[in-house]
Amino acid sequence: MAGSATNLDLNTNSSASVDMAAFTTTNAEVNASTSAGVTLSVKDNLHGKVSTSAKISLKNQPRNVQVDKSTSGRVVM
């Protein structure tokens, strides 16, 4: 998916893969669980939760990252 937005609200789970590497958003709320994978670019604020071996991969360094991590969940920049 390519494009841009001011705000993004994304929930994914159960081994889903969401490739938004060509998508840029100013603010994002991302919740990923159960081995899900999300790739995206966030300019300012990333909030959310990642758990149960899920991964959020960022193409850049947002100004503010507040993501709760549990059960091997991770955020990769």
Protein backbone atom coordinates (compact mmCIF):
# COMPACT_ATOMS: atom_id res chain seq x y z
CA MET A 1 0.00 0.00 0.00
CA ALA A 2 1.33 3.44 -0.87
CA GLY A 3 0.14 6.88 0.17
CA SER A 4 -0.09 9.08 3.23
CA ALA A 5 -2.42 10.09 6.06
CA THR A 6 -2.50 12.30 9.09
CA ASN A 7 -3.78 9.58 11.46
CA LEU A 8 -3.74 5.80 11.21
CA ASP A 9 -5.48 3.27 13.48
CA LEU A 10 -4.38 -0.29 12.76
CA ASN A 11 -5.18 -3.56 14.56
CA THR A 12 -3.76 -6.85 13.35
CA ASN A 13 -3.22 -10.37 14.72
CA SER A 14 -2.91 -14.09 13.99
CA SER A 15 0.19 -14.09 11.75
CA ALA A 16 -1.17 -11.31 9.51
CA SER A 17 1.38 -9.30 7.55
CA VAL A 18 0.71 -5.63 6.78
CA ASP A 19 3.30 -4.06 4.48
CA MET A 20 2.86 -0.31 4.46
CA ALA A 21 6.53 0.54 3.81
CA ALA A 22 5.50 3.02 1.11
CA PHE A 23 2.82 4.58 3.34
CA THR A 24 3.63 7.56 5.59
CA THR A 25 1.49 8.82 8.45
CA THR A 26 1.96 11.62 10.94
CA ASN A 27 0.40 9.75 13.87
CA ALA A 28 -0.32 6.05 14.31
CA GLU A 29 -2.05 3.83 16.83
CA VAL A 30 -0.91 0.26 16.10
CA ASN A 31 -1.93 -2.87 17.98
CA ALA A 32 -0.29 -6.09 16.80
CA SER A 33 -0.46 -9.53 18.40
CA THR A 34 0.00 -13.26 17.86
CA SER A 35 2.94 -13.23 15.38
CA ALA A 36 1.53 -10.38 13.27
CA GLY A 37 3.96 -8.14 11.38
CA VAL A 38 3.49 -4.48 10.47
CA THR A 39 5.88 -2.29 8.44
CA LEU A 40 5.24 1.45 8.15
CA SER A 41 6.64 4.99 8.39
CA VAL A 42 5.47 7.30 11.18
CA LYS A 43 6.61 10.93 11.35
CA ASP A 44 5.57 12.14 14.81
CA ASN A 45 3.71 9.84 17.22
CA LEU A 46 3.47 6.06 17.43
CA HIS A 47 1.29 4.62 20.18
CA GLY A 48 -0.02 1.12 20.69
CA LYS A 49 0.72 -2.38 21.87
CA VAL A 50 2.73 -5.28 20.48
CA SER A 51 2.54 -8.74 22.03
CA THR A 52 2.88 -12.49 21.59
CA SER A 53 5.81 -12.49 19.11
CA ALA A 54 4.35 -9.71 16.94
CA LYS A 55 6.63 -7.10 15.36
CA ILE A 56 6.26 -3.47 14.31
CA SER A 57 8.99 -2.44 11.85
CA LEU A 58 9.52 1.28 11.32
CA LYS A 59 11.15 2.79 8.24
CA ASN A 60 12.16 5.88 10.23
CA GLN A 61 12.46 7.21 13.79
CA PRO A 62 9.23 8.88 15.00
CA ARG A 63 9.58 11.77 17.45
CA ASN A 64 7.56 9.96 20.11
CA VAL A 65 7.19 6.19 20.55
CA GLN A 66 4.93 4.82 23.29
CA VAL A 67 4.33 1.15 22.58
CA ASP A 68 3.64 -1.40 25.31
CA LYS A 69 5.60 -4.59 24.65
CA SER A 70 4.84 -8.00 26.15
CA THR A 71 5.40 -11.70 25.50
CA SER A 72 8.27 -11.22 23.00
CA GLY A 73 6.56 -8.39 21.12
CA ARG A 74 9.03 -5.92 19.60
CA VAL A 75 9.46 -2.65 17.77
CA VAL A 76 12.31 -2.47 15.23
CA MET A 77 13.61 0.81 13.80
